[in-house]
Amino acid sequence: MPQSKKRHVAHQQHPHKSETQHKEEKNSNAVAVGVVFFGLIGFGIGFFIGGVDAVWMTGGAVVGAVGGYLFGKQIDKAFSK
């Protein structure tokens, strides 16, 4: 069947992303690297303070990992701007 030349073809409209939609967060390695690095540093400090006592080494590693997590989050926040 012939098409009318006066009639406009209906194009499919794609929804535009608005500025108010949240951006997808990129996976960053700063948090993981910070947790591992500071955890190892905390483990070493716990080893030197308490000797071969597992409580001191574990406590140092946990405190170091928490510090590394906070440090990595701040790095991500600073570079995302």
PDB file of N, CA and C in Angstrom:
ATOM      1  N   MET A   1       0.842  -1.165   0.000  1.00  0.00           N
ATOM      2  CA  MET A   1       0.000   0.000   0.000  1.00  0.00           C
ATOM      3  C   MET A   1       0.897   1.240   0.000  1.00  0.00           C
ATOM      4  N   PRO A   2       0.642   2.197  -0.816  1.00  0.00           N
ATOM      5  CA  PRO A   2       1.478   3.388  -0.879  1.00  0.00           C
ATOM      6  C   PRO A   2       1.320   4.253   0.369  1.00  0.00           C
ATOM      7  N   GLN A   3       2.423   4.897   0.760  1.00  0.00           N
ATOM      8  CA  GLN A   3       2.397   5.767   1.937  1.00  0.00           C
ATOM      9  C   GLN A   3       2.188   7.208   1.496  1.00  0.00           C
ATOM     10  N   SER A   4       1.478   7.939   2.325  1.00  0.00           N
ATOM     11  CA  SER A   4       1.237   9.339   2.044  1.00  0.00           C
ATOM     12  C   SER A   4       2.511  10.138   2.289  1.00  0.00           C
ATOM     13  N   LYS A   5       2.878  11.025   1.350  1.00  0.00           N
ATOM     14  CA  LYS A   5       4.070  11.844   1.508  1.00  0.00           C
ATOM     15  C   LYS A   5       3.846  12.992   2.461  1.00  0.00           C
ATOM     16  N   LYS A   6       2.619  13.343   2.749  1.00  0.00           N
ATOM     17  CA  LYS A   6       2.309  14.441   3.650  1.00  0.00           C
ATOM     18  C   LYS A   6       2.308  13.996   5.111  1.00  0.00           C
ATOM     19  N   ARG A   7       2.172  12.730   5.330  1.00  0.00           N
ATOM     20  CA  ARG A   7       2.087  12.223   6.685  1.00  0.00           C
ATOM     21  C   ARG A   7       3.486  12.007   7.252  1.00  0.00           C
ATOM     22  N   HIS A   8       3.728  12.497   8.458  1.00  0.00           N
ATOM     23  CA  HIS A   8       5.036  12.345   9.092  1.00  0.00           C
ATOM     24  C   HIS A   8       5.151  10.960   9.720  1.00  0.00           C
ATOM     25  N   VAL A   9       6.329  10.438   9.621  1.00  0.00           N
ATOM     26  CA  VAL A   9       6.595   9.131  10.212  1.00  0.00           C
ATOM     27  C   VAL A   9       6.816   9.322  11.707  1.00  0.00           C
ATOM     28  N   ALA A  10       6.158   8.519  12.510  1.00  0.00           N
ATOM     29  CA  ALA A  10       6.299   8.617  13.967  1.00  0.00           C
ATOM     30  C   ALA A  10       7.588   7.918  14.387  1.00  0.00           C
ATOM     31  N   HIS A  11       8.506   8.699  14.942  1.00  0.00           N
ATOM     32  CA  HIS A  11       9.760   8.140  15.416  1.00  0.00           C
ATOM     33  C   HIS A  11       9.604   7.713  16.866  1.00  0.00           C
ATOM     34  N   GLN A  12      10.309   6.662  17.206  1.00  0.00           N
ATOM     35  CA  GLN A  12      10.261   6.178  18.571  1.00  0.00           C
ATOM     36  C   GLN A  12      11.070   7.106  19.462  1.00  0.00           C
ATOM     37  N   GLN A  13      10.470   7.565  20.542  1.00  0.00           N
ATOM     38  CA  GLN A  13      11.157   8.485  21.434  1.00  0.00           C
ATOM     39  C   GLN A  13      11.807   7.706  22.565  1.00  0.00           C
ATOM     40  N   HIS A  14      13.081   8.030  22.820  1.00  0.00           N
ATOM     41  CA  HIS A  14      13.823   7.389  23.898  1.00  0.00           C
ATOM     42  C   HIS A  14      13.767   8.282  25.118  1.00  0.00           C
ATOM     43  N   PRO A  15      13.568   7.695  26.288  1.00  0.00           N
ATOM     44  CA  PRO A  15      13.525   8.529  27.499  1.00  0.00           C
ATOM     45  C   PRO A  15      14.907   9.101  27.812  1.00  0.00           C
ATOM     46  N   HIS A  16      14.937  10.363  28.138  1.00  0.00           N
ATOM     47  CA  HIS A  16      16.181  11.025  28.493  1.00  0.00           C
ATOM     48  C   HIS A  16      16.422  10.870  29.982  1.00  0.00           C
ATOM     49  N   LYS A  17      17.683  10.696  30.346  1.00  0.00           N
ATOM     50  CA  LYS A  17      18.026  10.620  31.763  1.00  0.00           C
ATOM     51  C   LYS A  17      18.025  12.022  32.324  1.00  0.00           C
ATOM     52  N   SER A  18      17.332  12.190  33.404  1.00  0.00           N
ATOM     53  CA  SER A  18      17.289  13.514  34.005  1.00  0.00           C
ATOM     54  C   SER A  18      18.493  13.707  34.923  1.00  0.00           C
ATOM     55  N   GLU A  19      18.773  14.951  35.224  1.00  0.00           N
ATOM     56  CA  GLU A  19      19.899  15.290  36.088  1.00  0.00           C
ATOM     57  C   GLU A  19      19.648  14.855  37.527  1.00  0.00           C
ATOM     58  N   THR A  20      18.386  14.641  37.875  1.00  0.00           N
ATOM     59  CA  THR A  20      18.071  14.303  39.256  1.00  0.00           C
ATOM     60  C   THR A  20      18.305  12.825  39.555  1.00  0.00           C
ATOM     61  N   GLN A  21      18.437  12.012  38.517  1.00  0.00           N
ATOM     62  CA  GLN A  21      18.690  10.591  38.758  1.00  0.00           C
ATOM     63  C   GLN A  21      20.095  10.413  39.292  1.00  0.00           C
ATOM     64  N   HIS A  22      20.242   9.484  40.194  1.00  0.00           N
ATOM     65  CA  HIS A  22      21.548   9.230  40.802  1.00  0.00           C
ATOM     66  C   HIS A  22      22.444   8.508  39.816  1.00  0.00           C
ATOM     67  N   LYS A  23      23.694   8.894  39.844  1.00  0.00           N
ATOM     68  CA  LYS A  23      24.670   8.214  39.014  1.00  0.00           C
ATOM     69  C   LYS A  23      24.985   6.864  39.647  1.00  0.00           C
ATOM     70  N   GLU A  24      25.277   5.912  38.789  1.00  0.00           N
ATOM     71  CA  GLU A  24      25.679   4.615  39.316  1.00  0.00           C
ATOM     72  C   GLU A  24      27.083   4.739  39.885  1.00  0.00           C
ATOM     73  N   GLU A  25      27.276   4.171  41.055  1.00  0.00           N
ATOM     74  CA  GLU A  25      28.575   4.258  41.701  1.00  0.00           C
ATOM     75  C   GLU A  25      29.542   3.311  41.004  1.00  0.00           C
ATOM     76  N   LYS A  26      30.717   3.829  40.714  1.00  0.00           N
ATOM     77  CA  LYS A  26      31.735   2.988  40.115  1.00  0.00           C
ATOM     78  C   LYS A  26      32.432   2.197  41.223  1.00  0.00           C
ATOM     79  N   ASN A  27      32.794   1.011  40.878  1.00  0.00           N
ATOM     80  CA  ASN A  27      33.551   0.221  41.842  1.00  0.00           C
ATOM     81  C   ASN A  27      34.967   0.764  41.902  1.00  0.00           C
ATOM     82  N   SER A  28      35.376   1.123  43.087  1.00  0.00           N
ATOM     83  CA  SER A  28      36.694   1.699  43.239  1.00  0.00           C
ATOM     84  C   SER A  28      37.549   0.782  44.096  1.00  0.00           C
ATOM     85  N   ASN A  29      38.826   0.788  43.797  1.00  0.00           N
ATOM     86  CA  ASN A  29      39.747  -0.057  44.536  1.00  0.00           C
ATOM     87  C   ASN A  29      40.382   0.663  45.707  1.00  0.00           C
ATOM     88  N   ALA A  30      40.095   1.948  45.882  1.00  0.00           N
ATOM     89  CA  ALA A  30      40.743   2.703  46.953  1.00  0.00           C
ATOM     90  C   ALA A  30      40.363   2.150  48.323  1.00  0.00           C
ATOM     91  N   VAL A  31      39.122   1.744  48.494  1.00  0.00           N
ATOM     92  CA  VAL A  31      38.688   1.213  49.791  1.00  0.00           C
ATOM     93  C   VAL A  31      39.351  -0.140  50.051  1.00  0.00           C
ATOM     94  N   ALA A  32      39.358  -0.997  49.055  1.00  0.00           N
ATOM     95  CA  ALA A  32      39.947  -2.328  49.241  1.00  0.00           C
ATOM     96  C   ALA A  32      41.452  -2.236  49.500  1.00  0.00           C
ATOM     97  N   VAL A  33      42.125  -1.380  48.749  1.00  0.00           N
ATOM     98  CA  VAL A  33      43.564  -1.226  48.941  1.00  0.00           C
ATOM     99  C   VAL A  33      43.853  -0.618  50.307  1.00  0.00           C
ATOM    100  N   GLY A  34      43.046   0.355  50.716  1.00  0.00           N
ATOM    101  CA  GLY A  34      43.233   0.977  52.025  1.00  0.00           C
ATOM    102  C   GLY A  34      43.024  -0.006  53.164  1.00  0.00           C
ATOM    103  N   VAL A  35      41.994  -0.846  53.051  1.00  0.00           N
ATOM    104  CA  VAL A  35      41.717  -1.829  54.104  1.00  0.00           C
ATOM    105  C   VAL A  35      42.873  -2.820  54.220  1.00  0.00           C
ATOM    106  N   VAL A  36      43.350  -3.323  53.094  1.00  0.00           N
ATOM    107  CA  VAL A  36      44.434  -4.312  53.133  1.00  0.00           C
ATOM    108  C   VAL A  36      45.726  -3.680  53.646  1.00  0.00           C
ATOM    109  N   PHE A  37      46.075  -2.513  53.091  1.00  0.00           N
ATOM    110  CA  PHE A  37      47.333  -1.873  53.469  1.00  0.00           C
ATOM    111  C   PHE A  37      47.346  -1.490  54.945  1.00  0.00           C
ATOM    112  N   PHE A  38      46.315  -0.793  55.395  1.00  0.00           N
ATOM    113  CA  PHE A  38      46.272  -0.368  56.791  1.00  0.00           C
ATOM    114  C   PHE A  38      46.083  -1.555  57.734  1.00  0.00           C
ATOM    115  N   GLY A  39      45.389  -2.598  57.266  1.00  0.00           N
ATOM    116  CA  GLY A  39      45.263  -3.807  58.078  1.00  0.00           C
ATOM    117  C   GLY A  39      46.612  -4.469  58.317  1.00  0.00           C
ATOM    118  N   LEU A  40      47.450  -4.516  57.273  1.00  0.00           N
ATOM    119  CA  LEU A  40      48.790  -5.085  57.438  1.00  0.00           C
ATOM    120  C   LEU A  40      49.661  -4.217  58.341  1.00  0.00           C
ATOM    121  N   ILE A  41      49.535  -2.910  58.181  1.00  0.00           N
ATOM    122  CA  ILE A  41      50.295  -2.008  59.062  1.00  0.00           C
ATOM    123  C   ILE A  41      49.844  -2.189  60.514  1.00  0.00           C
ATOM    124  N   GLY A  42      48.544  -2.271  60.739  1.00  0.00           N
ATOM    125  CA  GLY A  42      48.029  -2.499  62.096  1.00  0.00           C
ATOM    126  C   GLY A  42      48.454  -3.838  62.655  1.00  0.00           C
ATOM    127  N   PHE A  43      48.501  -4.861  61.799  1.00  0.00           N
ATOM    128  CA  PHE A  43      48.966  -6.172  62.229  1.00  0.00           C
ATOM    129  C   PHE A  43      50.422  -6.097  62.680  1.00  0.00           C
ATOM    130  N   GLY A  44      51.242  -5.391  61.909  1.00  0.00           N
ATOM    131  CA  GLY A  44      52.657  -5.238  62.266  1.00  0.00           C
ATOM    132  C   GLY A  44      52.841  -4.468  63.561  1.00  0.00           C
ATOM    133  N   ILE A  45      52.065  -3.415  63.736  1.00  0.00           N
ATOM    134  CA  ILE A  45      52.155  -2.642  64.983  1.00  0.00           C
ATOM    135  C   ILE A  45      51.727  -3.501  66.170  1.00  0.00           C
ATOM    136  N   GLY A  46      50.652  -4.287  65.987  1.00  0.00           N
ATOM    137  CA  GLY A  46      50.217  -5.190  67.050  1.00  0.00           C
ATOM    138  C   GLY A  46      51.258  -6.240  67.364  1.00  0.00           C
ATOM    139  N   PHE A  47      51.958  -6.704  66.348  1.00  0.00           N
ATOM    140  CA  PHE A  47      53.024  -7.689  66.568  1.00  0.00           C
ATOM    141  C   PHE A  47      54.175  -7.088  67.381  1.00  0.00           C
ATOM    142  N   PHE A  48      54.566  -5.862  67.050  1.00  0.00           N
ATOM    143  CA  PHE A  48      55.679  -5.244  67.769  1.00  0.00           C
ATOM    144  C   PHE A  48      55.285  -4.827  69.184  1.00  0.00           C
ATOM    145  N   ILE A  49      54.029  -4.474  69.394  1.00  0.00           N
ATOM    146  CA  ILE A  49      53.599  -4.080  70.739  1.00  0.00           C
ATOM    147  C   ILE A  49      53.407  -5.301  71.635  1.00  0.00           C
ATOM    148  N   GLY A  50      52.690  -6.313  71.141  1.00  0.00           N
ATOM    149  CA  GLY A  50      52.328  -7.436  71.997  1.00  0.00           C
ATOM    150  C   GLY A  50      53.116  -8.692  71.774  1.00  0.00           C
ATOM    151  N   GLY A  51      54.072  -8.666  70.876  1.00  0.00           N
ATOM    152  CA  GLY A  51      54.825  -9.895  70.606  1.00  0.00           C
ATOM    153  C   GLY A  51      53.999 -10.849  69.766  1.00  0.00           C
ATOM    154  N   VAL A  52      54.069 -12.133  70.082  1.00  0.00           N
ATOM    155  CA  VAL A  52      53.379 -13.139  69.294  1.00  0.00           C
ATOM    156  C   VAL A  52      51.973 -13.407  69.848  1.00  0.00           C
ATOM    157  N   ASP A  53      51.458 -12.496  70.634  1.00  0.00           N
ATOM    158  CA  ASP A  53      50.121 -12.632  71.201  1.00  0.00           C
ATOM    159  C   ASP A  53      49.083 -12.363  70.104  1.00  0.00           C
ATOM    160  N   ALA A  54      48.199 -13.339  69.869  1.00  0.00           N
ATOM    161  CA  ALA A  54      47.219 -13.243  68.781  1.00  0.00           C
ATOM    162  C   ALA A  54      46.200 -12.129  69.014  1.00  0.00           C
ATOM    163  N   VAL A  55      45.913 -11.819  70.276  1.00  0.00           N
ATOM    164  CA  VAL A  55      44.934 -10.765  70.575  1.00  0.00           C
ATOM    165  C   VAL A  55      45.447  -9.419  70.090  1.00  0.00           C
ATOM    166  N   TRP A  56      46.700  -9.107  70.353  1.00  0.00           N
ATOM    167  CA  TRP A  56      47.272  -7.825  69.921  1.00  0.00           C
ATOM    168  C   TRP A  56      47.361  -7.738  68.398  1.00  0.00           C
ATOM    169  N   MET A  57      47.758  -8.833  67.755  1.00  0.00           N
ATOM    170  CA  MET A  57      47.875  -8.812  66.297  1.00  0.00           C
ATOM    171  C   MET A  57      46.508  -8.675  65.634  1.00  0.00           C
ATOM    172  N   THR A  58      45.523  -9.398  66.156  1.00  0.00           N
ATOM    173  CA  THR A  58      44.170  -9.307  65.596  1.00  0.00           C
ATOM    174  C   THR A  58      43.571  -7.930  65.842  1.00  0.00           C
ATOM    175  N   GLY A  59      43.745  -7.416  67.044  1.00  0.00           N
ATOM    176  CA  GLY A  59      43.233  -6.074  67.351  1.00  0.00           C
ATOM    177  C   GLY A  59      43.873  -5.004  66.485  1.00  0.00           C
ATOM    178  N   GLY A  60      45.175  -5.109  66.286  1.00  0.00           N
ATOM    179  CA  GLY A  60      45.857  -4.145  65.427  1.00  0.00           C
ATOM    180  C   GLY A  60      45.383  -4.229  63.991  1.00  0.00           C
ATOM    181  N   ALA A  61      45.157  -5.444  63.505  1.00  0.00           N
ATOM    182  CA  ALA A  61      44.679  -5.619  62.135  1.00  0.00           C
ATOM    183  C   ALA A  61      43.270  -5.058  61.966  1.00  0.00           C
ATOM    184  N   VAL A  62      42.419  -5.268  62.966  1.00  0.00           N
ATOM    185  CA  VAL A  62      41.038  -4.758  62.883  1.00  0.00           C
ATOM    186  C   VAL A  62      41.020  -3.238  62.923  1.00  0.00           C
ATOM    187  N   VAL A  63      41.776  -2.659  63.847  1.00  0.00           N
ATOM    188  CA  VAL A  63      41.832  -1.197  63.941  1.00  0.00           C
ATOM    189  C   VAL A  63      42.429  -0.611  62.663  1.00  0.00           C
ATOM    190  N   GLY A  64      43.453  -1.249  62.130  1.00  0.00           N
ATOM    191  CA  GLY A  64      44.043  -0.789  60.883  1.00  0.00           C
ATOM    192  C   GLY A  64      43.086  -0.901  59.707  1.00  0.00           C
ATOM    193  N   ALA A  65      42.313  -1.981  59.647  1.00  0.00           N
ATOM    194  CA  ALA A  65      41.348  -2.160  58.564  1.00  0.00           C
ATOM    195  C   ALA A  65      40.240  -1.111  58.616  1.00  0.00           C
ATOM    196  N   VAL A  66      39.782  -0.790  59.819  1.00  0.00           N
ATOM    197  CA  VAL A  66      38.763   0.256  59.962  1.00  0.00           C
ATOM    198  C   VAL A  66      39.324   1.600  59.509  1.00  0.00           C
ATOM    199  N   GLY A  67      40.548   1.896  59.913  1.00  0.00           N
ATOM    200  CA  GLY A  67      41.191   3.130  59.467  1.00  0.00           C
ATOM    201  C   GLY A  67      41.387   3.155  57.958  1.00  0.00           C
ATOM    202  N   GLY A  68      41.742   2.031  57.375  1.00  0.00           N
ATOM    203  CA  GLY A  68      41.901   1.937  55.929  1.00  0.00           C
ATOM    204  C   GLY A  68      40.600   2.116  55.187  1.00  0.00           C
ATOM    205  N   TYR A  69      39.513   1.608  55.755  1.00  0.00           N
ATOM    206  CA  TYR A  69      38.192   1.789  55.152  1.00  0.00           C
ATOM    207  C   TYR A  69      37.811   3.267  55.127  1.00  0.00           C
ATOM    208  N   LEU A  70      38.003   3.930  56.252  1.00  0.00           N
ATOM    209  CA  LEU A  70      37.674   5.358  56.318  1.00  0.00           C
ATOM    210  C   LEU A  70      38.565   6.170  55.385  1.00  0.00           C
ATOM    211  N   PHE A  71      39.837   5.831  55.330  1.00  0.00           N
ATOM    212  CA  PHE A  71      40.768   6.520  54.445  1.00  0.00           C
ATOM    213  C   PHE A  71      40.377   6.308  52.976  1.00  0.00           C
ATOM    214  N   GLY A  72      40.036   5.081  52.609  1.00  0.00           N
ATOM    215  CA  GLY A  72      39.639   4.781  51.229  1.00  0.00           C
ATOM    216  C   GLY A  72      38.362   5.488  50.820  1.00  0.00           C
ATOM    217  N   LYS A  73      37.402   5.578  51.737  1.00  0.00           N
ATOM    218  CA  LYS A  73      36.157   6.303  51.441  1.00  0.00           C
ATOM    219  C   LYS A  73      36.429   7.777  51.197  1.00  0.00           C
ATOM    220  N   GLN A  74      37.331   8.364  51.975  1.00  0.00           N
ATOM    221  CA  GLN A  74      37.680   9.772  51.778  1.00  0.00           C
ATOM    222  C   GLN A  74      38.395   9.981  50.449  1.00  0.00           C
ATOM    223  N   ILE A  75      39.240   9.057  50.069  1.00  0.00           N
ATOM    224  CA  ILE A  75      39.915   9.138  48.772  1.00  0.00           C
ATOM    225  C   ILE A  75      38.902   9.051  47.642  1.00  0.00           C
ATOM    226  N   ASP A  76      37.957   8.128  47.730  1.00  0.00           N
ATOM    227  CA  ASP A  76      36.919   8.018  46.712  1.00  0.00           C
ATOM    228  C   ASP A  76      36.089   9.289  46.614  1.00  0.00           C
ATOM    229  N   LYS A  77      35.743   9.850  47.763  1.00  0.00           N
ATOM    230  CA  LYS A  77      34.942  11.072  47.778  1.00  0.00           C
ATOM    231  C   LYS A  77      35.710  12.229  47.162  1.00  0.00           C
ATOM    232  N   ALA A  78      37.007  12.324  47.444  1.00  0.00           N
ATOM    233  CA  ALA A  78      37.816  13.416  46.924  1.00  0.00           C
ATOM    234  C   ALA A  78      37.981  13.321  45.407  1.00  0.00           C
ATOM    235  N   PHE A  79      38.155  12.114  44.882  1.00  0.00           N
ATOM    236  CA  PHE A  79      38.375  11.965  43.447  1.00  0.00           C
ATOM    237  C   PHE A  79      37.090  11.926  42.644  1.00  0.00           C
ATOM    238  N   SER A  80      35.942  11.743  43.292  1.00  0.00           N
ATOM    239  CA  SER A  80      34.682  11.709  42.554  1.00  0.00           C
ATOM    240  C   SER A  80      34.168  13.099  42.208  1.00  0.00           C
ATOM    241  N   LYS A  81      34.724  14.129  42.834  1.00  0.00           N
ATOM    242  CA  LYS A  81      34.261  15.496  42.563  1.00  0.00           C
ATOM    243  C   LYS A  81      34.797  16.032  41.285  1.00  0.00           C
TER     244      LYS A  81
END
